[in-house]
Amino acid sequence: MLLNEIQRCFRKGEVLYTRHARDEMRTEELGRVREEEVFEAIRMDEVIEEYGDDKPYPSVLVCGRAQNERPLHVVCAYSGEDDLAIVVTAYQPDPNLWMDYKGRSGRK
């Protein structure tokens, strides 16, 4: 399972944050997202969307919570050739757009 590979990379410290992820984490309107929070959220086994056809690597959208109970969404890809987890973006989901932070509500 893709998430298992991603989690294993996080445990080994084999993680790359894209520029987009760093920008989103730094400018999150509900407060800066720290790398530690991303690691805590990724440990949850809550994949809410899979993007198996993503290029150049398949990715997943994980819904998790940091230890401070902050809900986070993390889009993470896995490079098998590099054995590397790639954080595409990480943000705190807007409760107006997500039901229980897991399903899209359609509200704005």
PDB file of N, CA and C in Angstrom:
ATOM      1  N   MET A   1       0.850  -1.195   0.000  1.00  0.00           N
ATOM      2  CA  MET A   1       0.000   0.000   0.000  1.00  0.00           C
ATOM      3  C   MET A   1       0.885   1.244   0.000  1.00  0.00           C
ATOM      4  N   LEU A   2       0.495   2.222  -0.774  1.00  0.00           N
ATOM      5  CA  LEU A   2       1.289   3.441  -0.941  1.00  0.00           C
ATOM      6  C   LEU A   2       1.529   4.162   0.376  1.00  0.00           C
ATOM      7  N   LEU A   3       0.509   4.272   1.201  1.00  0.00           N
ATOM      8  CA  LEU A   3       0.667   4.975   2.473  1.00  0.00           C
ATOM      9  C   LEU A   3       1.717   4.295   3.353  1.00  0.00           C
ATOM     10  N   ASN A   4       1.770   2.982   3.348  1.00  0.00           N
ATOM     11  CA  ASN A   4       2.780   2.271   4.147  1.00  0.00           C
ATOM     12  C   ASN A   4       4.192   2.660   3.728  1.00  0.00           C
ATOM     13  N   GLU A   5       4.422   2.772   2.436  1.00  0.00           N
ATOM     14  CA  GLU A   5       5.739   3.170   1.926  1.00  0.00           C
ATOM     15  C   GLU A   5       6.062   4.602   2.351  1.00  0.00           C
ATOM     16  N   ILE A   6       5.073   5.473   2.266  1.00  0.00           N
ATOM     17  CA  ILE A   6       5.261   6.879   2.660  1.00  0.00           C
ATOM     18  C   ILE A   6       5.573   6.962   4.150  1.00  0.00           C
ATOM     19  N   GLN A   7       4.815   6.250   4.966  1.00  0.00           N
ATOM     20  CA  GLN A   7       5.051   6.268   6.407  1.00  0.00           C
ATOM     21  C   GLN A   7       6.443   5.736   6.751  1.00  0.00           C
ATOM     22  N   ARG A   8       6.866   4.694   6.053  1.00  0.00           N
ATOM     23  CA  ARG A   8       8.198   4.132   6.284  1.00  0.00           C
ATOM     24  C   ARG A   8       9.275   5.170   5.964  1.00  0.00           C
ATOM     25  N   CYS A   9       9.104   5.903   4.877  1.00  0.00           N
ATOM     26  CA  CYS A   9      10.061   6.955   4.514  1.00  0.00           C
ATOM     27  C   CYS A   9      10.104   8.045   5.577  1.00  0.00           C
ATOM     28  N   PHE A  10       8.955   8.408   6.118  1.00  0.00           N
ATOM     29  CA  PHE A  10       8.918   9.414   7.186  1.00  0.00           C
ATOM     30  C   PHE A  10       9.691   8.917   8.404  1.00  0.00           C
ATOM     31  N   ARG A  11       9.495   7.661   8.774  1.00  0.00           N
ATOM     32  CA  ARG A  11      10.210   7.114   9.935  1.00  0.00           C
ATOM     33  C   ARG A  11      11.723   7.134   9.721  1.00  0.00           C
ATOM     34  N   LYS A  12      12.161   6.919   8.484  1.00  0.00           N
ATOM     35  CA  LYS A  12      13.594   6.924   8.163  1.00  0.00           C
ATOM     36  C   LYS A  12      14.136   8.327   7.924  1.00  0.00           C
ATOM     37  N   GLY A  13      13.250   9.317   7.824  1.00  0.00           N
ATOM     38  CA  GLY A  13      13.691  10.677   7.544  1.00  0.00           C
ATOM     39  C   GLY A  13      13.977  10.929   6.078  1.00  0.00           C
ATOM     40  N   GLU A  14      13.440  10.068   5.206  1.00  0.00           N
ATOM     41  CA  GLU A  14      13.627  10.202   3.762  1.00  0.00           C
ATOM     42  C   GLU A  14      12.421  10.929   3.176  1.00  0.00           C
ATOM     43  N   VAL A  15      12.369  12.241   3.421  1.00  0.00           N
ATOM     44  CA  VAL A  15      11.217  13.058   3.040  1.00  0.00           C
ATOM     45  C   VAL A  15      11.706  14.328   2.349  1.00  0.00           C
ATOM     46  N   LEU A  16      11.060  14.654   1.252  1.00  0.00           N
ATOM     47  CA  LEU A  16      11.343  15.887   0.523  1.00  0.00           C
ATOM     48  C   LEU A  16      10.075  16.739   0.528  1.00  0.00           C
ATOM     49  N   TYR A  17      10.196  17.997   0.894  1.00  0.00           N
ATOM     50  CA  TYR A  17       9.081  18.943   0.837  1.00  0.00           C
ATOM     51  C   TYR A  17       9.244  19.790  -0.418  1.00  0.00           C
ATOM     52  N   THR A  18       8.206  19.816  -1.251  1.00  0.00           N
ATOM     53  CA  THR A  18       8.268  20.654  -2.451  1.00  0.00           C
ATOM     54  C   THR A  18       8.217  22.132  -2.044  1.00  0.00           C
ATOM     55  N   ARG A  19       8.608  22.977  -2.948  1.00  0.00           N
ATOM     56  CA  ARG A  19       8.524  24.424  -2.691  1.00  0.00           C
ATOM     57  C   ARG A  19       7.077  24.819  -2.416  1.00  0.00           C
ATOM     58  N   HIS A  20       6.158  24.226  -3.176  1.00  0.00           N
ATOM     59  CA  HIS A  20       4.737  24.518  -2.969  1.00  0.00           C
ATOM     60  C   HIS A  20       4.314  24.134  -1.552  1.00  0.00           C
ATOM     61  N   ALA A  21       4.739  22.953  -1.092  1.00  0.00           N
ATOM     62  CA  ALA A  21       4.387  22.520   0.264  1.00  0.00           C
ATOM     63  C   ALA A  21       4.934  23.494   1.293  1.00  0.00           C
ATOM     64  N   ARG A  22       6.187  23.881   1.155  1.00  0.00           N
ATOM     65  CA  ARG A  22       6.799  24.824   2.111  1.00  0.00           C
ATOM     66  C   ARG A  22       6.037  26.151   2.127  1.00  0.00           C
ATOM     67  N   ASP A  23       5.669  26.650   0.943  1.00  0.00           N
ATOM     68  CA  ASP A  23       4.929  27.909   0.866  1.00  0.00           C
ATOM     69  C   ASP A  23       3.568  27.786   1.542  1.00  0.00           C
ATOM     70  N   GLU A  24       2.847  26.698   1.251  1.00  0.00           N
ATOM     71  CA  GLU A  24       1.528  26.483   1.849  1.00  0.00           C
ATOM     72  C   GLU A  24       1.626  26.337   3.366  1.00  0.00           C
ATOM     73  N   MET A  25       2.620  25.613   3.827  1.00  0.00           N
ATOM     74  CA  MET A  25       2.787  25.402   5.264  1.00  0.00           C
ATOM     75  C   MET A  25       3.115  26.710   5.971  1.00  0.00           C
ATOM     76  N   ARG A  26       3.935  27.531   5.345  1.00  0.00           N
ATOM     77  CA  ARG A  26       4.354  28.795   5.952  1.00  0.00           C
ATOM     78  C   ARG A  26       3.221  29.821   5.983  1.00  0.00           C
ATOM     79  N   THR A  27       2.372  29.816   4.963  1.00  0.00           N
ATOM     80  CA  THR A  27       1.352  30.860   4.830  1.00  0.00           C
ATOM     81  C   THR A  27      -0.063  30.373   5.156  1.00  0.00           C
ATOM     82  N   GLU A  28      -0.193  29.191   5.735  1.00  0.00           N
ATOM     83  CA  GLU A  28      -1.523  28.650   6.093  1.00  0.00           C
ATOM     84  C   GLU A  28      -2.280  29.688   6.905  1.00  0.00           C
ATOM     85  N   GLU A  29      -3.481  30.059   6.441  1.00  0.00           N
ATOM     86  CA  GLU A  29      -4.249  31.131   7.085  1.00  0.00           C
ATOM     87  C   GLU A  29      -4.683  30.795   8.503  1.00  0.00           C
ATOM     88  N   LEU A  30      -4.765  29.519   8.842  1.00  0.00           N
ATOM     89  CA  LEU A  30      -5.150  29.126  10.197  1.00  0.00           C
ATOM     90  C   LEU A  30      -3.930  28.874  11.089  1.00  0.00           C
ATOM     91  N   GLY A  31      -2.770  29.274  10.629  1.00  0.00           N
ATOM     92  CA  GLY A  31      -1.541  29.137  11.411  1.00  0.00           C
ATOM     93  C   GLY A  31      -0.527  28.241  10.724  1.00  0.00           C
ATOM     94  N   ARG A  32       0.705  28.621  10.825  1.00  0.00           N
ATOM     95  CA  ARG A  32       1.808  27.901  10.191  1.00  0.00           C
ATOM     96  C   ARG A  32       1.769  26.413  10.535  1.00  0.00           C
ATOM     97  N   VAL A  33       2.015  25.573   9.525  1.00  0.00           N
ATOM     98  CA  VAL A  33       2.075  24.129   9.719  1.00  0.00           C
ATOM     99  C   VAL A  33       3.545  23.739   9.853  1.00  0.00           C
ATOM    100  N   ARG A  34       3.872  23.057  10.939  1.00  0.00           N
ATOM    101  CA  ARG A  34       5.258  22.648  11.185  1.00  0.00           C
ATOM    102  C   ARG A  34       5.500  21.230  10.652  1.00  0.00           C
ATOM    103  N   GLU A  35       6.744  20.929  10.334  1.00  0.00           N
ATOM    104  CA  GLU A  35       7.103  19.593   9.851  1.00  0.00           C
ATOM    105  C   GLU A  35       6.692  18.510  10.844  1.00  0.00           C
ATOM    106  N   GLU A  36       6.832  18.789  12.140  1.00  0.00           N
ATOM    107  CA  GLU A  36       6.460  17.813  13.150  1.00  0.00           C
ATOM    108  C   GLU A  36       4.975  17.472  13.058  1.00  0.00           C
ATOM    109  N   GLU A  37       4.152  18.475  12.761  1.00  0.00           N
ATOM    110  CA  GLU A  37       2.715  18.243  12.628  1.00  0.00           C
ATOM    111  C   GLU A  37       2.420  17.371  11.408  1.00  0.00           C
ATOM    112  N   VAL A  38       3.153  17.599  10.328  1.00  0.00           N
ATOM    113  CA  VAL A  38       2.973  16.784   9.124  1.00  0.00           C
ATOM    114  C   VAL A  38       3.313  15.331   9.442  1.00  0.00           C
ATOM    115  N   PHE A  39       4.427  15.106  10.131  1.00  0.00           N
ATOM    116  CA  PHE A  39       4.831  13.752  10.509  1.00  0.00           C
ATOM    117  C   PHE A  39       3.759  13.096  11.382  1.00  0.00           C
ATOM    118  N   GLU A  40       3.229  13.840  12.334  1.00  0.00           N
ATOM    119  CA  GLU A  40       2.189  13.296  13.211  1.00  0.00           C
ATOM    120  C   GLU A  40       0.932  12.940  12.417  1.00  0.00           C
ATOM    121  N   ALA A  41       0.551  13.792  11.469  1.00  0.00           N
ATOM    122  CA  ALA A  41      -0.654  13.551  10.675  1.00  0.00           C
ATOM    123  C   ALA A  41      -0.469  12.366   9.735  1.00  0.00           C
ATOM    124  N   ILE A  42       0.714  12.213   9.165  1.00  0.00           N
ATOM    125  CA  ILE A  42       0.979  11.147   8.203  1.00  0.00           C
ATOM    126  C   ILE A  42       0.926   9.769   8.878  1.00  0.00           C
ATOM    127  N   ARG A  43       1.140   9.727  10.188  1.00  0.00           N
ATOM    128  CA  ARG A  43       1.105   8.441  10.899  1.00  0.00           C
ATOM    129  C   ARG A  43      -0.305   7.856  10.956  1.00  0.00           C
ATOM    130  N   MET A  44      -1.318   8.692  10.749  1.00  0.00           N
ATOM    131  CA  MET A  44      -2.696   8.211  10.742  1.00  0.00           C
ATOM    132  C   MET A  44      -2.924   7.398   9.463  1.00  0.00           C
ATOM    133  N   ASP A  45      -3.758   6.397   9.540  1.00  0.00           N
ATOM    134  CA  ASP A  45      -4.046   5.560   8.371  1.00  0.00           C
ATOM    135  C   ASP A  45      -5.327   6.001   7.679  1.00  0.00           C
ATOM    136  N   GLU A  46      -5.498   7.278   7.494  1.00  0.00           N
ATOM    137  CA  GLU A  46      -6.753   7.820   6.975  1.00  0.00           C
ATOM    138  C   GLU A  46      -6.540   8.426   5.585  1.00  0.00           C
ATOM    139  N   VAL A  47      -6.480   7.579   4.577  1.00  0.00           N
ATOM    140  CA  VAL A  47      -6.388   8.053   3.194  1.00  0.00           C
ATOM    141  C   VAL A  47      -7.798   8.405   2.752  1.00  0.00           C
ATOM    142  N   ILE A  48      -7.998   9.659   2.337  1.00  0.00           N
ATOM    143  CA  ILE A  48      -9.345  10.049   1.909  1.00  0.00           C
ATOM    144  C   ILE A  48      -9.455  10.189   0.396  1.00  0.00           C
ATOM    145  N   GLU A  49      -8.333  10.302  -0.290  1.00  0.00           N
ATOM    146  CA  GLU A  49      -8.337  10.295  -1.757  1.00  0.00           C
ATOM    147  C   GLU A  49      -7.024   9.695  -2.232  1.00  0.00           C
ATOM    148  N   GLU A  50      -7.094   8.950  -3.331  1.00  0.00           N
ATOM    149  CA  GLU A  50      -5.901   8.376  -3.942  1.00  0.00           C
ATOM    150  C   GLU A  50      -5.765   8.940  -5.344  1.00  0.00           C
ATOM    151  N   TYR A  51      -4.538   9.260  -5.704  1.00  0.00           N
ATOM    152  CA  TYR A  51      -4.242   9.798  -7.027  1.00  0.00           C
ATOM    153  C   TYR A  51      -3.197   8.897  -7.681  1.00  0.00           C
ATOM    154  N   GLY A  52      -3.615   7.680  -8.013  1.00  0.00           N
ATOM    155  CA  GLY A  52      -2.711   6.681  -8.570  1.00  0.00           C
ATOM    156  C   GLY A  52      -2.138   7.040  -9.918  1.00  0.00           C
ATOM    157  N   ASP A  53      -2.815   7.926 -10.647  1.00  0.00           N
ATOM    158  CA  ASP A  53      -2.338   8.316 -11.981  1.00  0.00           C
ATOM    159  C   ASP A  53      -1.503   9.588 -11.965  1.00  0.00           C
ATOM    160  N   ASP A  54      -1.266  10.150 -10.785  1.00  0.00           N
ATOM    161  CA  ASP A  54      -0.442  11.367 -10.705  1.00  0.00           C
ATOM    162  C   ASP A  54       0.930  11.110 -11.292  1.00  0.00           C
ATOM    163  N   LYS A  55       1.455  12.114 -11.940  1.00  0.00           N
ATOM    164  CA  LYS A  55       2.796  12.053 -12.527  1.00  0.00           C
ATOM    165  C   LYS A  55       3.661  13.114 -11.874  1.00  0.00           C
ATOM    166  N   PRO A  56       4.884  12.880 -11.612  1.00  0.00           N
ATOM    167  CA  PRO A  56       5.623  11.675 -11.977  1.00  0.00           C
ATOM    168  C   PRO A  56       5.452  10.523 -10.996  1.00  0.00           C
ATOM    169  N   TYR A  57       4.754  10.744  -9.851  1.00  0.00           N
ATOM    170  CA  TYR A  57       4.604   9.688  -8.848  1.00  0.00           C
ATOM    171  C   TYR A  57       3.165   9.634  -8.350  1.00  0.00           C
ATOM    172  N   PRO A  58       2.671   8.452  -8.025  1.00  0.00           N
ATOM    173  CA  PRO A  58       1.333   8.348  -7.426  1.00  0.00           C
ATOM    174  C   PRO A  58       1.331   9.006  -6.050  1.00  0.00           C
ATOM    175  N   SER A  59       0.169   9.529  -5.664  1.00  0.00           N
ATOM    176  CA  SER A  59       0.094  10.225  -4.377  1.00  0.00           C
ATOM    177  C   SER A  59      -1.232   9.925  -3.684  1.00  0.00           C
ATOM    178  N   VAL A  60      -1.308  10.349  -2.428  1.00  0.00           N
ATOM    179  CA  VAL A  60      -2.509  10.169  -1.618  1.00  0.00           C
ATOM    180  C   VAL A  60      -2.775  11.449  -0.834  1.00  0.00           C
ATOM    181  N   LEU A  61      -4.046  11.652  -0.516  1.00  0.00           N
ATOM    182  CA  LEU A  61      -4.448  12.724   0.395  1.00  0.00           C
ATOM    183  C   LEU A  61      -4.766  12.061   1.722  1.00  0.00           C
ATOM    184  N   VAL A  62      -4.000  12.421   2.745  1.00  0.00           N
ATOM    185  CA  VAL A  62      -4.158  11.852   4.081  1.00  0.00           C
ATOM    186  C   VAL A  62      -4.800  12.891   4.987  1.00  0.00           C
ATOM    187  N   CYS A  63      -5.772  12.447   5.757  1.00  0.00           N
ATOM    188  CA  CYS A  63      -6.365  13.285   6.789  1.00  0.00           C
ATOM    189  C   CYS A  63      -5.850  12.771   8.115  1.00  0.00           C
ATOM    190  N   GLY A  64      -5.219  13.641   8.872  1.00  0.00           N
ATOM    191  CA  GLY A  64      -4.683  13.232  10.160  1.00  0.00           C
ATOM    192  C   GLY A  64      -4.771  14.365  11.156  1.00  0.00           C
ATOM    193  N   ARG A  65      -4.308  14.097  12.331  1.00  0.00           N
ATOM    194  CA  ARG A  65      -4.282  15.111  13.382  1.00  0.00           C
ATOM    195  C   ARG A  65      -2.900  15.136  14.005  1.00  0.00           C
ATOM    196  N   ALA A  66      -2.466  16.346  14.272  1.00  0.00           N
ATOM    197  CA  ALA A  66      -1.223  16.520  15.016  1.00  0.00           C
ATOM    198  C   ALA A  66      -1.524  16.227  16.486  1.00  0.00           C
ATOM    199  N   GLN A  67      -0.499  16.104  17.294  1.00  0.00           N
ATOM    200  CA  GLN A  67      -0.707  15.797  18.710  1.00  0.00           C
ATOM    201  C   GLN A  67      -1.541  16.858  19.412  1.00  0.00           C
ATOM    202  N   ASN A  68      -1.515  18.081  18.902  1.00  0.00           N
ATOM    203  CA  ASN A  68      -2.314  19.150  19.494  1.00  0.00           C
ATOM    204  C   ASN A  68      -3.766  19.106  19.006  1.00  0.00           C
ATOM    205  N   GLU A  69      -4.143  17.993  18.323  1.00  0.00           N
ATOM    206  CA  GLU A  69      -5.492  17.749  17.795  1.00  0.00           C
ATOM    207  C   GLU A  69      -5.828  18.631  16.590  1.00  0.00           C
ATOM    208  N   ARG A  70      -4.853  19.308  16.046  1.00  0.00           N
ATOM    209  CA  ARG A  70      -5.076  20.115  14.850  1.00  0.00           C
ATOM    210  C   ARG A  70      -5.295  19.190  13.653  1.00  0.00           C
ATOM    211  N   PRO A  71      -6.423  19.345  12.940  1.00  0.00           N
ATOM    212  CA  PRO A  71      -6.649  18.519  11.749  1.00  0.00           C
ATOM    213  C   PRO A  71      -5.765  19.007  10.604  1.00  0.00           C
ATOM    214  N   LEU A  72      -5.205  18.080   9.858  1.00  0.00           N
ATOM    215  CA  LEU A  72      -4.367  18.435   8.719  1.00  0.00           C
ATOM    216  C   LEU A  72      -4.666  17.525   7.545  1.00  0.00           C
ATOM    217  N   HIS A  73      -4.530  18.085   6.368  1.00  0.00           N
ATOM    218  CA  HIS A  73      -4.522  17.317   5.135  1.00  0.00           C
ATOM    219  C   HIS A  73      -3.103  17.376   4.597  1.00  0.00           C
ATOM    220  N   VAL A  74      -2.603  16.236   4.163  1.00  0.00           N
ATOM    221  CA  VAL A  74      -1.270  16.150   3.579  1.00  0.00           C
ATOM    222  C   VAL A  74      -1.389  15.373   2.275  1.00  0.00           C
ATOM    223  N   VAL A  75      -0.954  15.990   1.175  1.00  0.00           N
ATOM    224  CA  VAL A  75      -0.849  15.272  -0.082  1.00  0.00           C
ATOM    225  C   VAL A  75       0.602  14.857  -0.199  1.00  0.00           C
ATOM    226  N   CYS A  76       0.801  13.549  -0.319  1.00  0.00           N
ATOM    227  CA  CYS A  76       2.155  13.012  -0.307  1.00  0.00           C
ATOM    228  C   CYS A  76       2.298  11.983  -1.424  1.00  0.00           C
ATOM    229  N   ALA A  77       3.417  12.058  -2.135  1.00  0.00           N
ATOM    230  CA  ALA A  77       3.727  11.110  -3.201  1.00  0.00           C
ATOM    231  C   ALA A  77       4.857  10.205  -2.747  1.00  0.00           C
ATOM    232  N   TYR A  78       5.055   9.136  -3.500  1.00  0.00           N
ATOM    233  CA  TYR A  78       6.134   8.207  -3.194  1.00  0.00           C
ATOM    234  C   TYR A  78       6.915   7.897  -4.456  1.00  0.00           C
ATOM    235  N   SER A  79       8.229   8.096  -4.380  1.00  0.00           N
ATOM    236  CA  SER A  79       9.135   7.734  -5.463  1.00  0.00           C
ATOM    237  C   SER A  79       9.784   6.408  -5.114  1.00  0.00           C
ATOM    238  N   GLY A  80       9.378   5.357  -5.800  1.00  0.00           N
ATOM    239  CA  GLY A  80       9.952   4.040  -5.559  1.00  0.00           C
ATOM    240  C   GLY A  80      11.404   3.964  -5.966  1.00  0.00           C
ATOM    241  N   GLU A  81      11.757   4.630  -7.040  1.00  0.00           N
ATOM    242  CA  GLU A  81      13.153   4.571  -7.508  1.00  0.00           C
ATOM    243  C   GLU A  81      14.111   5.261  -6.547  1.00  0.00           C
ATOM    244  N   ASP A  82      13.619   6.269  -5.819  1.00  0.00           N
ATOM    245  CA  ASP A  82      14.457   6.969  -4.842  1.00  0.00           C
ATOM    246  C   ASP A  82      14.145   6.562  -3.407  1.00  0.00           C
ATOM    247  N   ASP A  83      13.096   5.753  -3.212  1.00  0.00           N
ATOM    248  CA  ASP A  83      12.601   5.380  -1.888  1.00  0.00           C
ATOM    249  C   ASP A  83      12.462   6.636  -1.027  1.00  0.00           C
ATOM    250  N   LEU A  84      11.608   7.541  -1.519  1.00  0.00           N
ATOM    251  CA  LEU A  84      11.485   8.872  -0.943  1.00  0.00           C
ATOM    252  C   LEU A  84      10.022   9.290  -0.901  1.00  0.00           C
ATOM    253  N   ALA A  85       9.599   9.833   0.244  1.00  0.00           N
ATOM    254  CA  ALA A  85       8.275  10.441   0.360  1.00  0.00           C
ATOM    255  C   ALA A  85       8.404  11.902  -0.051  1.00  0.00           C
ATOM    256  N   ILE A  86       7.445  12.382  -0.829  1.00  0.00           N
ATOM    257  CA  ILE A  86       7.469  13.754  -1.319  1.00  0.00           C
ATOM    258  C   ILE A  86       6.188  14.441  -0.867  1.00  0.00           C
ATOM    259  N   VAL A  87       6.334  15.446  -0.003  1.00  0.00           N
ATOM    260  CA  VAL A  87       5.177  16.199   0.472  1.00  0.00           C
ATOM    261  C   VAL A  87       4.849  17.247  -0.584  1.00  0.00           C
ATOM    262  N   VAL A  88       3.674  17.108  -1.186  1.00  0.00           N
ATOM    263  CA  VAL A  88       3.237  18.022  -2.241  1.00  0.00           C
ATOM    264  C   VAL A  88       2.597  19.260  -1.631  1.00  0.00           C
ATOM    265  N   THR A  89       1.775  19.051  -0.606  1.00  0.00           N
ATOM    266  CA  THR A  89       1.178  20.164   0.126  1.00  0.00           C
ATOM    267  C   THR A  89       0.692  19.669   1.481  1.00  0.00           C
ATOM    268  N   ALA A  90       0.538  20.596   2.402  1.00  0.00           N
ATOM    269  CA  ALA A  90       0.003  20.302   3.731  1.00  0.00           C
ATOM    270  C   ALA A  90      -0.728  21.546   4.210  1.00  0.00           C
ATOM    271  N   TYR A  91      -1.944  21.347   4.712  1.00  0.00           N
ATOM    272  CA  TYR A  91      -2.763  22.486   5.123  1.00  0.00           C
ATOM    273  C   TYR A  91      -3.811  22.041   6.125  1.00  0.00           C
ATOM    274  N   GLN A  92      -4.381  23.010   6.824  1.00  0.00           N
ATOM    275  CA  GLN A  92      -5.500  22.737   7.717  1.00  0.00           C
ATOM    276  C   GLN A  92      -6.773  22.898   6.900  1.00  0.00           C
ATOM    277  N   PRO A  93      -7.574  21.837   6.777  1.00  0.00           N
ATOM    278  CA  PRO A  93      -8.768  21.908   5.941  1.00  0.00           C
ATOM    279  C   PRO A  93      -9.819  22.866   6.495  1.00  0.00           C
ATOM    280  N   ASP A  94     -10.469  23.559   5.584  1.00  0.00           N
ATOM    281  CA  ASP A  94     -11.537  24.484   5.927  1.00  0.00           C
ATOM    282  C   ASP A  94     -12.786  23.673   6.280  1.00  0.00           C
ATOM    283  N   PRO A  95     -13.321  23.806   7.495  1.00  0.00           N
ATOM    284  CA  PRO A  95     -14.496  23.015   7.883  1.00  0.00           C
ATOM    285  C   PRO A  95     -15.731  23.340   7.045  1.00  0.00           C
ATOM    286  N   ASN A  96     -15.744  24.462   6.348  1.00  0.00           N
ATOM    287  CA  ASN A  96     -16.861  24.785   5.461  1.00  0.00           C
ATOM    288  C   ASN A  96     -16.809  24.000   4.154  1.00  0.00           C
ATOM    289  N   LEU A  97     -15.634  23.438   3.843  1.00  0.00           N
ATOM    290  CA  LEU A  97     -15.474  22.695   2.601  1.00  0.00           C
ATOM    291  C   LEU A  97     -15.376  21.189   2.801  1.00  0.00           C
ATOM    292  N   TRP A  98     -15.168  20.773   4.059  1.00  0.00           N
ATOM    293  CA  TRP A  98     -14.967  19.354   4.356  1.00  0.00           C
ATOM    294  C   TRP A  98     -15.871  18.918   5.512  1.00  0.00           C
ATOM    295  N   MET A  99     -16.608  17.822   5.331  1.00  0.00           N
ATOM    296  CA  MET A  99     -17.421  17.246   6.404  1.00  0.00           C
ATOM    297  C   MET A  99     -16.504  16.363   7.254  1.00  0.00           C
ATOM    298  N   ASP A 100     -16.402  16.655   8.525  1.00  0.00           N
ATOM    299  CA  ASP A 100     -15.510  15.917   9.427  1.00  0.00           C
ATOM    300  C   ASP A 100     -14.088  15.874   8.890  1.00  0.00           C
ATOM    301  N   TYR A 101     -13.741  16.835   8.067  1.00  0.00           N
ATOM    302  CA  TYR A 101     -12.405  16.963   7.449  1.00  0.00           C
ATOM    303  C   TYR A 101     -12.081  15.828   6.491  1.00  0.00           C
ATOM    304  N   LYS A 102     -13.069  14.972   6.170  1.00  0.00           N
ATOM    305  CA  LYS A 102     -12.780  13.797   5.352  1.00  0.00           C
ATOM    306  C   LYS A 102     -13.517  13.757   4.025  1.00  0.00           C
ATOM    307  N   GLY A 103     -14.695  14.341   3.966  1.00  0.00           N
ATOM    308  CA  GLY A 103     -15.477  14.323   2.730  1.00  0.00           C
ATOM    309  C   GLY A 103     -15.802  15.737   2.306  1.00  0.00           C
ATOM    310  N   ARG A 104     -15.739  15.985   1.039  1.00  0.00           N
ATOM    311  CA  ARG A 104     -16.026  17.338   0.540  1.00  0.00           C
ATOM    312  C   ARG A 104     -17.488  17.666   0.771  1.00  0.00           C
ATOM    313  N   SER A 105     -17.738  18.836   1.355  1.00  0.00           N
ATOM    314  CA  SER A 105     -19.118  19.199   1.686  1.00  0.00           C
ATOM    315  C   SER A 105     -19.813  19.940   0.571  1.00  0.00           C
ATOM    316  N   GLY A 106     -19.057  20.607  -0.284  1.00  0.00           N
ATOM    317  CA  GLY A 106     -19.669  21.384  -1.343  1.00  0.00           C
ATOM    318  C   GLY A 106     -20.076  22.779  -0.896  1.00  0.00           C
ATOM    319  N   ARG A 107     -19.984  23.063   0.412  1.00  0.00           N
ATOM    320  CA  ARG A 107     -20.303  24.404   0.916  1.00  0.00           C
ATOM    321  C   ARG A 107     -19.104  25.318   0.743  1.00  0.00           C
ATOM    322  N   LYS A 108     -19.382  26.605   0.693  1.00  0.00           N
ATOM    323  CA  LYS A 108     -18.300  27.600   0.639  1.00  0.00           C
ATOM    324  C   LYS A 108     -18.541  28.686   1.625  1.00  0.00           C
TER     325      LYS A 108
END
